[in-house]
Amino acid sequence: MKIIHQKCEKSLSNNKSLPINSYLVGYILDDIKLYDIVQASSQVEVFDYYHDLTKNVLSIEWTSGKVSPKVYGYTKPEGKKKK
């Protein structure tokens, strides 16, 4: 599991440049309602992590992401400069 945005606004989950396997997690920590956007292989993995962390998981929802997980965050390597 990879945390993409931590303690963010709920509206960030509407970004279509997120990977398709990303989730918006709502939880309560120290009586404050917070949201994280995470990339994971399953909702069970996300729930287990946040349940161990806070015991107060409110929701786990899909984001609007449309990018393949294989290419998300990929940057083209710099090639050798030609002489």
PDB file of N, CA and C in Angstrom:
ATOM      1  N   MET A   1       0.842  -1.179   0.000  1.00  0.00           N
ATOM      2  CA  MET A   1       0.000   0.000   0.000  1.00  0.00           C
ATOM      3  C   MET A   1       0.885   1.240   0.000  1.00  0.00           C
ATOM      4  N   LYS A   2       0.460   2.244  -0.752  1.00  0.00           N
ATOM      5  CA  LYS A   2       1.215   3.489  -0.867  1.00  0.00           C
ATOM      6  C   LYS A   2       0.277   4.663  -0.598  1.00  0.00           C
ATOM      7  N   ILE A   3       0.664   5.545   0.297  1.00  0.00           N
ATOM      8  CA  ILE A   3      -0.134   6.735   0.582  1.00  0.00           C
ATOM      9  C   ILE A   3       0.247   7.818  -0.427  1.00  0.00           C
ATOM     10  N   ILE A   4      -0.745   8.275  -1.205  1.00  0.00           N
ATOM     11  CA  ILE A   4      -0.507   9.290  -2.229  1.00  0.00           C
ATOM     12  C   ILE A   4      -0.663  10.693  -1.638  1.00  0.00           C
ATOM     13  N   HIS A   5      -1.779  10.935  -0.941  1.00  0.00           N
ATOM     14  CA  HIS A   5      -2.025  12.208  -0.260  1.00  0.00           C
ATOM     15  C   HIS A   5      -2.478  11.901   1.160  1.00  0.00           C
ATOM     16  N   GLN A   6      -1.870  12.549   2.122  1.00  0.00           N
ATOM     17  CA  GLN A   6      -2.222  12.318   3.517  1.00  0.00           C
ATOM     18  C   GLN A   6      -2.857  13.572   4.098  1.00  0.00           C
ATOM     19  N   LYS A   7      -3.932  13.383   4.864  1.00  0.00           N
ATOM     20  CA  LYS A   7      -4.670  14.485   5.505  1.00  0.00           C
ATOM     21  C   LYS A   7      -5.021  15.556   4.479  1.00  0.00           C
ATOM     22  N   CYS A   8      -5.734  15.137   3.434  1.00  0.00           N
ATOM     23  CA  CYS A   8      -6.051  16.039   2.331  1.00  0.00           C
ATOM     24  C   CYS A   8      -7.546  16.338   2.285  1.00  0.00           C
ATOM     25  N   GLU A   9      -7.929  17.178   1.358  1.00  0.00           N
ATOM     26  CA  GLU A   9      -9.333  17.503   1.126  1.00  0.00           C
ATOM     27  C   GLU A   9      -9.991  16.355   0.356  1.00  0.00           C
ATOM     28  N   LYS A  10     -11.263  16.157   0.600  1.00  0.00           N
ATOM     29  CA  LYS A  10     -12.008  15.095  -0.071  1.00  0.00           C
ATOM     30  C   LYS A  10     -12.083  15.342  -1.580  1.00  0.00           C
ATOM     31  N   SER A  11     -12.062  16.600  -1.996  1.00  0.00           N
ATOM     32  CA  SER A  11     -12.184  16.943  -3.414  1.00  0.00           C
ATOM     33  C   SER A  11     -10.995  16.479  -4.259  1.00  0.00           C
ATOM     34  N   LEU A  12      -9.855  16.191  -3.636  1.00  0.00           N
ATOM     35  CA  LEU A  12      -8.698  15.706  -4.395  1.00  0.00           C
ATOM     36  C   LEU A  12      -8.945  14.336  -5.023  1.00  0.00           C
ATOM     37  N   SER A  13      -9.932  13.611  -4.533  1.00  0.00           N
ATOM     38  CA  SER A  13     -10.225  12.282  -5.084  1.00  0.00           C
ATOM     39  C   SER A  13     -10.895  12.363  -6.455  1.00  0.00           C
ATOM     40  N   ASN A  14     -11.315  13.553  -6.889  1.00  0.00           N
ATOM     41  CA  ASN A  14     -11.937  13.722  -8.200  1.00  0.00           C
ATOM     42  C   ASN A  14     -10.928  13.887  -9.323  1.00  0.00           C
ATOM     43  N   ASN A  15      -9.649  13.827  -9.008  1.00  0.00           N
ATOM     44  CA  ASN A  15      -8.585  14.008  -9.982  1.00  0.00           C
ATOM     45  C   ASN A  15      -8.471  12.746 -10.846  1.00  0.00           C
ATOM     46  N   LYS A  16      -8.633  12.878 -12.154  1.00  0.00           N
ATOM     47  CA  LYS A  16      -8.582  11.737 -13.061  1.00  0.00           C
ATOM     48  C   LYS A  16      -7.157  11.253 -13.324  1.00  0.00           C
ATOM     49  N   SER A  17      -6.143  11.983 -12.869  1.00  0.00           N
ATOM     50  CA  SER A  17      -4.765  11.558 -13.074  1.00  0.00           C
ATOM     51  C   SER A  17      -4.268  10.626 -11.961  1.00  0.00           C
ATOM     52  N   LEU A  18      -5.167  10.229 -11.053  1.00  0.00           N
ATOM     53  CA  LEU A  18      -4.816   9.244 -10.028  1.00  0.00           C
ATOM     54  C   LEU A  18      -4.892   7.845 -10.633  1.00  0.00           C
ATOM     55  N   PRO A  19      -4.222   6.863 -10.031  1.00  0.00           N
ATOM     56  CA  PRO A  19      -4.306   5.496 -10.560  1.00  0.00           C
ATOM     57  C   PRO A  19      -5.692   4.899 -10.319  1.00  0.00           C
ATOM     58  N   ILE A  20      -6.053   3.910 -11.144  1.00  0.00           N
ATOM     59  CA  ILE A  20      -7.383   3.314 -11.027  1.00  0.00           C
ATOM     60  C   ILE A  20      -7.533   2.459  -9.771  1.00  0.00           C
ATOM     61  N   ASN A  21      -6.441   2.089  -9.145  1.00  0.00           N
ATOM     62  CA  ASN A  21      -6.516   1.289  -7.914  1.00  0.00           C
ATOM     63  C   ASN A  21      -6.282   2.150  -6.674  1.00  0.00           C
ATOM     64  N   SER A  22      -6.786   3.385  -6.705  1.00  0.00           N
ATOM     65  CA  SER A  22      -6.623   4.273  -5.554  1.00  0.00           C
ATOM     66  C   SER A  22      -7.957   4.467  -4.833  1.00  0.00           C
ATOM     67  N   TYR A  23      -7.858   4.700  -3.536  1.00  0.00           N
ATOM     68  CA  TYR A  23      -9.027   4.812  -2.676  1.00  0.00           C
ATOM     69  C   TYR A  23      -8.955   6.090  -1.845  1.00  0.00           C
ATOM     70  N   LEU A  24     -10.136   6.643  -1.544  1.00  0.00           N
ATOM     71  CA  LEU A  24     -10.263   7.741  -0.600  1.00  0.00           C
ATOM     72  C   LEU A  24     -10.704   7.126   0.719  1.00  0.00           C
ATOM     73  N   VAL A  25      -9.905   7.317   1.758  1.00  0.00           N
ATOM     74  CA  VAL A  25     -10.186   6.727   3.067  1.00  0.00           C
ATOM     75  C   VAL A  25     -10.563   7.838   4.032  1.00  0.00           C
ATOM     76  N   GLY A  26     -11.721   7.717   4.653  1.00  0.00           N
ATOM     77  CA  GLY A  26     -12.152   8.650   5.691  1.00  0.00           C
ATOM     78  C   GLY A  26     -11.981   7.992   7.045  1.00  0.00           C
ATOM     79  N   TYR A  27     -11.396   8.703   7.989  1.00  0.00           N
ATOM     80  CA  TYR A  27     -11.156   8.139   9.316  1.00  0.00           C
ATOM     81  C   TYR A  27     -11.126   9.253  10.350  1.00  0.00           C
ATOM     82  N   ILE A  28     -11.231   8.865  11.602  1.00  0.00           N
ATOM     83  CA  ILE A  28     -11.170   9.824  12.704  1.00  0.00           C
ATOM     84  C   ILE A  28      -9.907   9.561  13.496  1.00  0.00           C
ATOM     85  N   LEU A  29      -9.118  10.616  13.699  1.00  0.00           N
ATOM     86  CA  LEU A  29      -7.889  10.541  14.474  1.00  0.00           C
ATOM     87  C   LEU A  29      -7.893  11.717  15.438  1.00  0.00           C
ATOM     88  N   ASP A  30      -7.844  11.445  16.730  1.00  0.00           N
ATOM     89  CA  ASP A  30      -7.878  12.485  17.769  1.00  0.00           C
ATOM     90  C   ASP A  30      -9.101  13.390  17.621  1.00  0.00           C
ATOM     91  N   ASP A  31     -10.261  12.782  17.382  1.00  0.00           N
ATOM     92  CA  ASP A  31     -11.548  13.486  17.245  1.00  0.00           C
ATOM     93  C   ASP A  31     -11.595  14.448  16.063  1.00  0.00           C
ATOM     94  N   ILE A  32     -10.761  14.231  15.065  1.00  0.00           N
ATOM     95  CA  ILE A  32     -10.756  15.047  13.850  1.00  0.00           C
ATOM     96  C   ILE A  32     -10.999  14.119  12.664  1.00  0.00           C
ATOM     97  N   LYS A  33     -11.935  14.491  11.787  1.00  0.00           N
ATOM     98  CA  LYS A  33     -12.228  13.701  10.595  1.00  0.00           C
ATOM     99  C   LYS A  33     -11.209  14.045   9.515  1.00  0.00           C
ATOM    100  N   LEU A  34     -10.478  13.027   9.028  1.00  0.00           N
ATOM    101  CA  LEU A  34      -9.417  13.220   8.050  1.00  0.00           C
ATOM    102  C   LEU A  34      -9.637  12.319   6.843  1.00  0.00           C
ATOM    103  N   TYR A  35      -8.992  12.683   5.720  1.00  0.00           N
ATOM    104  CA  TYR A  35      -9.047  11.889   4.500  1.00  0.00           C
ATOM    105  C   TYR A  35      -7.639  11.650   3.981  1.00  0.00           C
ATOM    106  N   ASP A  36      -7.411  10.443   3.475  1.00  0.00           N
ATOM    107  CA  ASP A  36      -6.169  10.080   2.798  1.00  0.00           C
ATOM    108  C   ASP A  36      -6.537   9.468   1.448  1.00  0.00           C
ATOM    109  N   ILE A  37      -5.657   9.635   0.474  1.00  0.00           N
ATOM    110  CA  ILE A  37      -5.787   8.934  -0.793  1.00  0.00           C
ATOM    111  C   ILE A  37      -4.636   7.945  -0.858  1.00  0.00           C
ATOM    112  N   VAL A  38      -4.980   6.667  -1.026  1.00  0.00           N
ATOM    113  CA  VAL A  38      -3.981   5.605  -1.012  1.00  0.00           C
ATOM    114  C   VAL A  38      -4.111   4.746  -2.264  1.00  0.00           C
ATOM    115  N   GLN A  39      -3.006   4.119  -2.631  1.00  0.00           N
ATOM    116  CA  GLN A  39      -2.983   3.173  -3.735  1.00  0.00           C
ATOM    117  C   GLN A  39      -2.731   1.802  -3.125  1.00  0.00           C
ATOM    118  N   ALA A  40      -3.628   0.862  -3.413  1.00  0.00           N
ATOM    119  CA  ALA A  40      -3.507  -0.468  -2.822  1.00  0.00           C
ATOM    120  C   ALA A  40      -4.103  -1.508  -3.759  1.00  0.00           C
ATOM    121  N   SER A  41      -3.764  -2.767  -3.505  1.00  0.00           N
ATOM    122  CA  SER A  41      -4.275  -3.844  -4.345  1.00  0.00           C
ATOM    123  C   SER A  41      -5.699  -4.235  -3.981  1.00  0.00           C
ATOM    124  N   SER A  42      -6.140  -3.955  -2.743  1.00  0.00           N
ATOM    125  CA  SER A  42      -7.505  -4.299  -2.345  1.00  0.00           C
ATOM    126  C   SER A  42      -7.977  -3.410  -1.197  1.00  0.00           C
ATOM    127  N   GLN A  43      -9.295  -3.346  -1.026  1.00  0.00           N
ATOM    128  CA  GLN A  43      -9.860  -2.576   0.078  1.00  0.00           C
ATOM    129  C   GLN A  43      -9.548  -3.228   1.420  1.00  0.00           C
ATOM    130  N   VAL A  44      -9.382  -4.522   1.427  1.00  0.00           N
ATOM    131  CA  VAL A  44      -9.053  -5.227   2.665  1.00  0.00           C
ATOM    132  C   VAL A  44      -7.708  -4.758   3.205  1.00  0.00           C
ATOM    133  N   GLU A  45      -6.747  -4.600   2.318  1.00  0.00           N
ATOM    134  CA  GLU A  45      -5.423  -4.108   2.712  1.00  0.00           C
ATOM    135  C   GLU A  45      -5.524  -2.708   3.321  1.00  0.00           C
ATOM    136  N   VAL A  46      -6.334  -1.855   2.716  1.00  0.00           N
ATOM    137  CA  VAL A  46      -6.526  -0.489   3.208  1.00  0.00           C
ATOM    138  C   VAL A  46      -7.219  -0.513   4.570  1.00  0.00           C
ATOM    139  N   PHE A  47      -8.285  -1.291   4.686  1.00  0.00           N
ATOM    140  CA  PHE A  47      -9.014  -1.365   5.948  1.00  0.00           C
ATOM    141  C   PHE A  47      -8.124  -1.877   7.077  1.00  0.00           C
ATOM    142  N   ASP A  48      -7.367  -2.941   6.823  1.00  0.00           N
ATOM    143  CA  ASP A  48      -6.491  -3.493   7.853  1.00  0.00           C
ATOM    144  C   ASP A  48      -5.499  -2.451   8.362  1.00  0.00           C
ATOM    145  N   TYR A  49      -4.894  -1.691   7.447  1.00  0.00           N
ATOM    146  CA  TYR A  49      -3.915  -0.682   7.836  1.00  0.00           C
ATOM    147  C   TYR A  49      -4.556   0.407   8.697  1.00  0.00           C
ATOM    148  N   TYR A  50      -5.686   0.959   8.236  1.00  0.00           N
ATOM    149  CA  TYR A  50      -6.317   2.064   8.964  1.00  0.00           C
ATOM    150  C   TYR A  50      -7.024   1.608  10.235  1.00  0.00           C
ATOM    151  N   HIS A  51      -7.512   0.379  10.250  1.00  0.00           N
ATOM    152  CA  HIS A  51      -8.122  -0.133  11.483  1.00  0.00           C
ATOM    153  C   HIS A  51      -7.058  -0.298  12.564  1.00  0.00           C
ATOM    154  N   ASP A  52      -5.886  -0.786  12.187  1.00  0.00           N
ATOM    155  CA  ASP A  52      -4.782  -0.896  13.147  1.00  0.00           C
ATOM    156  C   ASP A  52      -4.297   0.477  13.599  1.00  0.00           C
ATOM    157  N   LEU A  53      -4.368   1.458  12.709  1.00  0.00           N
ATOM    158  CA  LEU A  53      -3.887   2.805  13.012  1.00  0.00           C
ATOM    159  C   LEU A  53      -4.852   3.565  13.916  1.00  0.00           C
ATOM    160  N   THR A  54      -6.161   3.543  13.600  1.00  0.00           N
ATOM    161  CA  THR A  54      -7.089   4.423  14.305  1.00  0.00           C
ATOM    162  C   THR A  54      -8.275   3.739  14.965  1.00  0.00           C
ATOM    163  N   LYS A  55      -8.665   2.580  14.498  1.00  0.00           N
ATOM    164  CA  LYS A  55      -9.868   1.869  14.956  1.00  0.00           C
ATOM    165  C   LYS A  55     -11.149   2.604  14.579  1.00  0.00           C
ATOM    166  N   ASN A  56     -11.059   3.723  13.845  1.00  0.00           N
ATOM    167  CA  ASN A  56     -12.227   4.521  13.467  1.00  0.00           C
ATOM    168  C   ASN A  56     -12.254   4.783  11.966  1.00  0.00           C
ATOM    169  N   VAL A  57     -12.394   3.740  11.173  1.00  0.00           N
ATOM    170  CA  VAL A  57     -12.486   3.896   9.724  1.00  0.00           C
ATOM    171  C   VAL A  57     -13.933   4.235   9.379  1.00  0.00           C
ATOM    172  N   LEU A  58     -14.137   5.367   8.727  1.00  0.00           N
ATOM    173  CA  LEU A  58     -15.482   5.799   8.373  1.00  0.00           C
ATOM    174  C   LEU A  58     -15.901   5.310   6.993  1.00  0.00           C
ATOM    175  N   SER A  59     -15.006   5.420   6.019  1.00  0.00           N
ATOM    176  CA  SER A  59     -15.361   5.028   4.657  1.00  0.00           C
ATOM    177  C   SER A  59     -14.114   4.720   3.841  1.00  0.00           C
ATOM    178  N   ILE A  60     -14.299   3.855   2.851  1.00  0.00           N
ATOM    179  CA  ILE A  60     -13.269   3.560   1.853  1.00  0.00           C
ATOM    180  C   ILE A  60     -13.983   3.592   0.511  1.00  0.00           C
ATOM    181  N   GLU A  61     -13.629   4.561  -0.337  1.00  0.00           N
ATOM    182  CA  GLU A  61     -14.305   4.762  -1.615  1.00  0.00           C
ATOM    183  C   GLU A  61     -13.283   4.812  -2.746  1.00  0.00           C
ATOM    184  N   TRP A  62     -13.710   4.413  -3.938  1.00  0.00           N
ATOM    185  CA  TRP A  62     -12.865   4.561  -5.117  1.00  0.00           C
ATOM    186  C   TRP A  62     -12.677   6.047  -5.424  1.00  0.00           C
ATOM    187  N   THR A  63     -11.528   6.392  -5.979  1.00  0.00           N
ATOM    188  CA  THR A  63     -11.332   7.749  -6.492  1.00  0.00           C
ATOM    189  C   THR A  63     -11.762   7.773  -7.952  1.00  0.00           C
ATOM    190  N   SER A  64     -11.662   8.924  -8.594  1.00  0.00           N
ATOM    191  CA  SER A  64     -12.012   9.058 -10.008  1.00  0.00           C
ATOM    192  C   SER A  64     -10.831   8.785 -10.921  1.00  0.00           C
ATOM    193  N   GLY A  65      -9.772   8.187 -10.403  1.00  0.00           N
ATOM    194  CA  GLY A  65      -8.552   7.947 -11.171  1.00  0.00           C
ATOM    195  C   GLY A  65      -8.772   7.084 -12.393  1.00  0.00           C
ATOM    196  N   LYS A  66      -8.061   7.408 -13.466  1.00  0.00           N
ATOM    197  CA  LYS A  66      -8.174   6.686 -14.734  1.00  0.00           C
ATOM    198  C   LYS A  66      -6.831   6.184 -15.256  1.00  0.00           C
ATOM    199  N   VAL A  67      -5.740   6.429 -14.557  1.00  0.00           N
ATOM    200  CA  VAL A  67      -4.400   6.083 -15.027  1.00  0.00           C
ATOM    201  C   VAL A  67      -4.052   4.656 -14.605  1.00  0.00           C
ATOM    202  N   SER A  68      -3.427   3.930 -15.494  1.00  0.00           N
ATOM    203  CA  SER A  68      -2.995   2.569 -15.187  1.00  0.00           C
ATOM    204  C   SER A  68      -1.961   2.601 -14.057  1.00  0.00           C
ATOM    205  N   PRO A  69      -2.049   1.689 -13.105  1.00  0.00           N
ATOM    206  CA  PRO A  69      -1.081   1.667 -12.002  1.00  0.00           C
ATOM    207  C   PRO A  69       0.361   1.449 -12.465  1.00  0.00           C
ATOM    208  N   LYS A  70       0.523   0.802 -13.618  1.00  0.00           N
ATOM    209  CA  LYS A  70       1.872   0.541 -14.134  1.00  0.00           C
ATOM    210  C   LYS A  70       2.590   1.820 -14.558  1.00  0.00           C
ATOM    211  N   VAL A  71       1.824   2.802 -15.033  1.00  0.00           N
ATOM    212  CA  VAL A  71       2.446   4.033 -15.525  1.00  0.00           C
ATOM    213  C   VAL A  71       2.270   5.212 -14.584  1.00  0.00           C
ATOM    214  N   TYR A  72       1.520   5.040 -13.491  1.00  0.00           N
ATOM    215  CA  TYR A  72       1.322   6.141 -12.555  1.00  0.00           C
ATOM    216  C   TYR A  72       2.647   6.492 -11.883  1.00  0.00           C
ATOM    217  N   GLY A  73       3.017   7.737 -11.949  1.00  0.00           N
ATOM    218  CA  GLY A  73       4.257   8.200 -11.330  1.00  0.00           C
ATOM    219  C   GLY A  73       5.499   7.925 -12.155  1.00  0.00           C
ATOM    220  N   TYR A  74       5.328   7.392 -13.357  1.00  0.00           N
ATOM    221  CA  TYR A  74       6.470   7.077 -14.210  1.00  0.00           C
ATOM    222  C   TYR A  74       7.035   8.353 -14.811  1.00  0.00           C
ATOM    223  N   THR A  75       8.339   8.476 -14.755  1.00  0.00           N
ATOM    224  CA  THR A  75       9.014   9.575 -15.431  1.00  0.00           C
ATOM    225  C   THR A  75       9.992   8.986 -16.422  1.00  0.00           C
ATOM    226  N   LYS A  76      10.066   9.595 -17.574  1.00  0.00           N
ATOM    227  CA  LYS A  76      10.937   9.105 -18.622  1.00  0.00           C
ATOM    228  C   LYS A  76      12.393   9.300 -18.219  1.00  0.00           C
ATOM    229  N   PRO A  77      13.190   8.234 -18.268  1.00  0.00           N
ATOM    230  CA  PRO A  77      14.600   8.389 -17.881  1.00  0.00           C
ATOM    231  C   PRO A  77      15.343   9.275 -18.889  1.00  0.00           C
ATOM    232  N   GLU A  78      16.291  10.013 -18.372  1.00  0.00           N
ATOM    233  CA  GLU A  78      17.076  10.864 -19.248  1.00  0.00           C
ATOM    234  C   GLU A  78      18.036  10.004 -20.054  1.00  0.00           C
ATOM    235  N   GLY A  79      18.002  10.192 -21.328  1.00  0.00           N
ATOM    236  CA  GLY A  79      18.882   9.431 -22.215  1.00  0.00           C
ATOM    237  C   GLY A  79      20.250  10.067 -22.316  1.00  0.00           C
ATOM    238  N   LYS A  80      21.145   9.344 -22.955  1.00  0.00           N
ATOM    239  CA  LYS A  80      22.490   9.886 -23.161  1.00  0.00           C
ATOM    240  C   LYS A  80      22.433  11.002 -24.179  1.00  0.00           C
ATOM    241  N   LYS A  81      23.189  12.032 -23.937  1.00  0.00           N
ATOM    242  CA  LYS A  81      23.229  13.141 -24.863  1.00  0.00           C
ATOM    243  C   LYS A  81      24.111  12.765 -26.059  1.00  0.00           C
ATOM    244  N   LYS A  82      23.604  13.086 -27.244  1.00  0.00           N
ATOM    245  CA  LYS A  82      24.385  12.802 -28.449  1.00  0.00           C
ATOM    246  C   LYS A  82      25.389  13.907 -28.675  1.00  0.00           C
ATOM    247  N   LYS A  83      26.518  13.518 -29.223  1.00  0.00           N
ATOM    248  CA  LYS A  83      27.585  14.493 -29.489  1.00  0.00           C
ATOM    249  C   LYS A  83      27.363  15.171 -30.796  1.00  0.00           C
TER     250      LYS A  83
END
